[in-house]
Amino acid sequence: MRTPRLRIDAVLFDLDGTLVDTLPDIAWSLNQVLLEHGCPALTAEAVGDYIGGGATAMIEAVAMRFGIGDAATLQQRYARVYQDHLVQFSKPFSGVLAMIEGCRELQVPLAIVTNKAEAMACQVADALFAPTVFKAILGHRAGRSLKPQPDVAWEAARRLSVDPRHCLFVGDTEIDLQTAHAAGMPSALVAWGYGATRTGQAPDFYCEQPAGLLHILKQHGGAAQASTEHGDTVKSC
């Protein structure tokens, strides 16, 4: 039985490492807290290895690394420091703003799906992107499961009024690919993020540059109904 041709009607983006280089502010804030605890600062690369599973997972891993028993207090302090420095150094990755504008011209609805606290995700997006660019911004909050559970991706699709099968999930980590798979969505892995080199699962698309996403949308967007069949090969753009 032949697989239906892939059609993309909406794009769901991860935030950290996909749209925005938030690592400088995350690393700066985390190191301030570590220094307060008498621990050595971590390199940005080392901090990047912990990003993707949410702040709680990151802090628990760091607490274990340095033998800090009270991870909850460490997280509370980190949250306060990071809240005050959300966009001190953070900025969209090169080419992302042009990519977002291209999506707007193609009239493709966009959403953010992240494990970052939702309030923080909204603040970052409000500071770095034009208003109304994203029709929905969904992050971690009480009662909502984290990626790779598919619930948040399904909720984003519902808010965009798009069938999940026609939502392209774009991210930079294994967690994003797992989320897409669990939600029944096609996936695109970006090369410029924090975890792209450590993924074992194959994405449907691989983007070397942000402009590659526009190529995907022009090939598969809406009524285009490109002839390439979903799931046959990983396509690089």
Protein backbone atom coordinates (compact mmCIF):
# COMPACT_ATOMS: atom_id res chain seq x y z
CA MET A 1 0.00 0.00 0.00
CA ARG A 2 1.45 3.39 -0.99
CA THR A 3 1.92 6.11 1.62
CA PRO A 4 -0.14 9.30 1.12
CA ARG A 5 1.80 12.20 -0.30
CA LEU A 6 3.08 14.55 2.38
CA ARG A 7 1.30 17.88 2.74
CA ILE A 8 2.45 20.54 5.21
CA ASP A 9 -0.16 23.04 6.33
CA ALA A 10 1.54 24.34 9.50
CA VAL A 11 4.92 24.36 11.24
CA LEU A 12 5.57 23.71 14.93
CA PHE A 13 8.96 24.95 16.13
CA ASP A 14 11.03 24.03 19.14
CA LEU A 15 12.44 27.23 20.67
CA ASP A 16 15.85 26.79 22.32
CA GLY A 17 18.42 25.68 19.77
CA THR A 18 15.97 25.86 16.87
CA LEU A 19 14.66 29.42 16.59
CA VAL A 20 16.72 31.18 19.23
CA ASP A 21 20.25 30.79 20.54
CA THR A 22 19.31 30.96 24.21
CA LEU A 23 22.39 29.06 25.37
CA PRO A 24 24.41 32.17 26.32
CA ASP A 25 21.76 33.33 28.82
CA ILE A 26 21.04 29.83 30.12
CA ALA A 27 24.74 29.14 30.67
CA TRP A 28 25.35 32.56 32.24
CA SER A 29 22.45 32.17 34.67
CA LEU A 30 23.32 28.60 35.58
CA ASN A 31 26.95 29.50 36.22
CA GLN A 32 25.95 32.36 38.51
CA VAL A 33 24.06 29.87 40.65
CA LEU A 34 26.84 27.28 40.54
CA LEU A 35 29.38 29.86 41.67
CA GLU A 36 27.11 30.72 44.59
CA HIS A 37 27.32 27.05 45.58
CA GLY A 38 31.10 26.99 45.30
CA CYS A 39 31.06 24.97 42.09
CA PRO A 40 33.14 25.71 38.99
CA ALA A 41 31.49 27.30 35.99
CA LEU A 42 30.51 25.10 33.06
CA THR A 43 31.38 25.81 29.47
CA ALA A 44 28.53 26.77 27.17
CA GLU A 45 29.07 23.51 25.30
CA ALA A 46 28.66 21.50 28.51
CA VAL A 47 25.46 23.36 29.38
CA GLY A 48 24.16 22.78 25.87
CA ASP A 49 24.34 19.03 26.48
CA TYR A 50 21.67 19.43 29.17
CA ILE A 51 19.20 21.49 27.13
CA GLY A 52 16.08 19.95 25.63
CA GLY A 53 14.35 18.11 28.45
CA GLY A 54 13.25 21.15 30.42
CA ALA A 55 14.78 23.13 33.29
CA THR A 56 14.05 20.50 35.93
CA ALA A 57 15.91 17.78 34.05
CA MET A 58 18.82 20.15 33.39
CA ILE A 59 19.14 21.20 37.04
CA GLU A 60 18.83 17.64 38.30
CA ALA A 61 21.62 16.54 35.98
CA VAL A 62 23.85 19.44 37.03
CA ALA A 63 23.11 18.84 40.73
CA MET A 64 24.10 15.19 40.33
CA ARG A 65 27.27 16.19 38.49
CA PHE A 66 28.42 18.40 41.36
CA GLY A 67 26.97 16.39 44.23
CA ILE A 68 24.42 19.05 45.20
CA GLY A 69 21.76 17.37 47.32
CA ASP A 70 19.02 19.99 47.14
CA ALA A 71 18.23 20.21 43.44
CA ALA A 72 14.88 21.87 44.13
CA THR A 73 16.48 24.88 45.84
CA LEU A 74 19.07 25.05 43.08
CA GLN A 75 16.29 25.15 40.48
CA GLN A 76 14.37 27.85 42.33
CA ARG A 77 17.46 30.05 42.44
CA TYR A 78 18.27 29.36 38.79
CA ALA A 79 14.71 30.24 37.75
CA ARG A 80 14.93 33.61 39.49
CA VAL A 81 18.29 34.47 37.95
CA TYR A 82 17.32 33.31 34.47
CA GLN A 83 13.99 35.15 34.62
CA ASP A 84 15.95 38.39 35.00
CA HIS A 85 18.28 37.59 32.10
CA LEU A 86 16.09 35.90 29.49
CA VAL A 87 17.28 37.95 26.55
CA GLN A 88 20.51 39.47 27.85
CA PHE A 89 22.51 37.70 25.13
CA SER A 90 19.92 35.51 23.38
CA LYS A 91 19.05 36.17 19.74
CA PRO A 92 17.52 34.35 16.78
CA PHE A 93 19.94 32.14 14.87
CA SER A 94 21.27 33.63 11.64
CA GLY A 95 18.70 33.30 8.90
CA VAL A 96 15.78 32.53 11.20
CA LEU A 97 14.08 35.93 10.89
CA ALA A 98 14.18 35.68 7.09
CA MET A 99 12.82 32.14 7.34
CA ILE A 100 9.94 33.31 9.53
CA GLU A 101 9.15 36.09 7.07
CA GLY A 102 9.18 33.55 4.25
CA CYS A 103 6.70 31.39 6.16
CA ARG A 104 4.47 34.43 6.59
CA GLU A 105 4.58 35.13 2.85
CA LEU A 106 3.62 31.52 2.20
CA GLN A 107 0.74 31.97 4.67
CA VAL A 108 1.82 28.98 6.74
CA PRO A 109 0.61 29.21 10.36
CA LEU A 110 3.35 28.82 12.96
CA ALA A 111 3.51 27.74 16.59
CA ILE A 112 6.18 27.21 19.23
CA VAL A 113 6.22 23.94 21.19
CA THR A 114 8.89 23.91 23.88
CA ASN A 115 9.80 22.37 27.22
CA LYS A 116 10.74 25.84 28.44
CA ALA A 117 8.36 27.35 30.99
CA GLU A 118 5.51 28.79 28.94
CA ALA A 119 5.69 32.26 30.50
CA MET A 120 9.41 32.46 29.72
CA ALA A 121 8.89 31.18 26.18
CA CYS A 122 6.30 33.90 25.58
CA GLN A 123 8.65 36.56 26.91
CA VAL A 124 11.51 35.40 24.68
CA ALA A 125 9.26 35.31 21.62
CA ASP A 126 7.75 38.72 22.40
CA ALA A 127 11.23 40.23 22.77
CA LEU A 128 12.80 38.75 19.64
CA PHE A 129 10.00 38.30 17.10
CA ALA A 130 7.31 40.50 15.64
CA PRO A 131 3.87 40.33 17.29
CA THR A 132 1.39 37.75 15.99
CA VAL A 133 4.10 35.74 14.18
CA PHE A 134 3.20 32.66 16.21
CA LYS A 135 -0.45 31.70 16.47
CA ALA A 136 0.29 29.63 19.57
CA ILE A 137 3.17 29.37 22.05
CA LEU A 138 3.00 26.29 24.23
CA GLY A 139 5.55 25.51 26.91
CA HIS A 140 5.80 23.73 30.22
CA ARG A 141 3.19 24.53 32.84
CA ALA A 142 1.40 22.70 35.63
CA GLY A 143 -0.69 19.81 34.38
CA ARG A 144 0.89 19.66 30.93
CA SER A 145 3.25 16.84 30.01
CA LEU A 146 6.65 17.61 28.55
CA LYS A 147 7.97 16.58 25.16
CA PRO A 148 8.42 13.86 23.94
CA GLN A 149 4.86 13.18 25.07
CA PRO A 150 2.68 14.18 22.11
CA ASP A 151 -0.05 16.04 23.99
CA VAL A 152 1.48 19.50 23.65
CA ALA A 153 2.08 19.01 19.92
CA TRP A 154 -1.52 17.90 19.45
CA GLU A 155 -2.70 20.94 21.39
CA ALA A 156 -0.68 23.22 19.10
CA ALA A 157 -2.21 21.56 16.03
CA ARG A 158 -5.68 22.02 17.52
CA ARG A 159 -5.06 25.71 18.14
CA LEU A 160 -3.90 26.13 14.55
CA SER A 161 -6.93 24.14 13.33
CA VAL A 162 -4.62 21.83 11.35
CA ASP A 163 -4.61 18.04 11.23
CA PRO A 164 -1.49 16.82 13.15
CA ARG A 165 -0.54 14.75 10.11
CA HIS A 166 -0.04 18.00 8.20
CA CYS A 167 2.04 19.77 10.87
CA LEU A 168 5.81 19.74 10.38
CA PHE A 169 7.60 19.53 13.72
CA VAL A 170 10.98 21.31 13.56
CA GLY A 171 13.62 20.88 16.24
CA ASP A 172 17.26 20.25 17.04
CA THR A 173 17.20 17.31 19.46
CA GLU A 174 16.25 13.67 19.74
CA ILE A 175 13.39 14.75 22.00
CA ASP A 176 11.89 16.80 19.17
CA LEU A 177 12.09 13.86 16.76
CA GLN A 178 10.50 11.58 19.34
CA THR A 179 7.72 14.12 19.87
CA ALA A 180 7.00 14.31 16.16
CA HIS A 181 6.91 10.52 15.89
CA ALA A 182 4.61 10.16 18.91
CA ALA A 183 2.28 12.86 17.56
CA GLY A 184 2.15 11.36 14.07
CA MET A 185 3.78 14.43 12.54
CA PRO A 186 6.55 14.68 9.93
CA SER A 187 9.81 15.98 11.40
CA ALA A 188 12.66 18.26 10.38
CA LEU A 189 16.00 18.31 12.19
CA VAL A 190 18.03 21.52 12.07
CA ALA A 191 21.82 21.43 11.88
CA TRP A 192 22.55 24.60 13.83
CA GLY A 193 21.07 23.62 17.20
CA TYR A 194 22.43 22.05 20.35
CA GLY A 195 21.65 18.38 19.85
CA ALA A 196 21.53 17.68 16.12
CA THR A 197 24.77 15.67 16.15
CA ARG A 198 23.56 13.40 18.96
CA THR A 199 20.32 12.11 17.47
CA GLY A 200 19.85 8.49 16.57
CA GLN A 201 16.40 8.72 15.06
CA ALA A 202 16.15 9.72 11.40
CA PRO A 203 14.06 12.81 10.61
CA ASP A 204 11.93 13.18 7.50
CA PHE A 205 13.91 16.28 6.55
CA TYR A 206 17.31 17.67 7.53
CA CYS A 207 17.92 21.43 7.25
CA GLU A 208 21.49 22.67 6.98
CA GLN A 209 20.29 26.31 6.94
CA PRO A 210 17.02 28.03 7.91
CA ALA A 211 16.31 28.75 4.25
CA GLY A 212 16.03 24.99 3.76
CA LEU A 213 12.72 25.03 5.59
CA LEU A 214 11.25 27.36 2.98
CA HIS A 215 12.34 24.92 0.30
CA ILE A 216 10.47 22.16 2.13
CA LEU A 217 7.33 24.28 2.39
CA LYS A 218 7.44 25.22 -1.27
CA GLN A 219 7.75 21.54 -2.14
CA HIS A 220 5.14 20.23 0.27
CA GLY A 221 3.10 23.19 1.46
CA GLY A 222 -0.67 23.10 1.25
CA ALA A 223 -1.96 22.69 -2.28
CA ALA A 224 1.55 22.00 -3.63
CA GLN A 225 1.14 18.29 -2.83
CA ALA A 226 4.66 17.41 -3.90
CA SER A 227 5.23 14.04 -5.49
CA THR A 228 7.86 12.92 -2.97
CA GLU A 229 6.34 10.39 -0.60
CA HIS A 230 6.55 10.84 3.17
CA GLY A 231 9.05 8.58 4.91
CA ASP A 232 10.96 7.28 1.90
CA THR A 233 14.25 9.09 2.53
CA VAL A 234 15.74 11.84 4.64
CA LYS A 235 15.86 14.96 2.50
CA SER A 236 18.56 17.58 3.08
CA CYS A 237 17.88 21.24 2.41
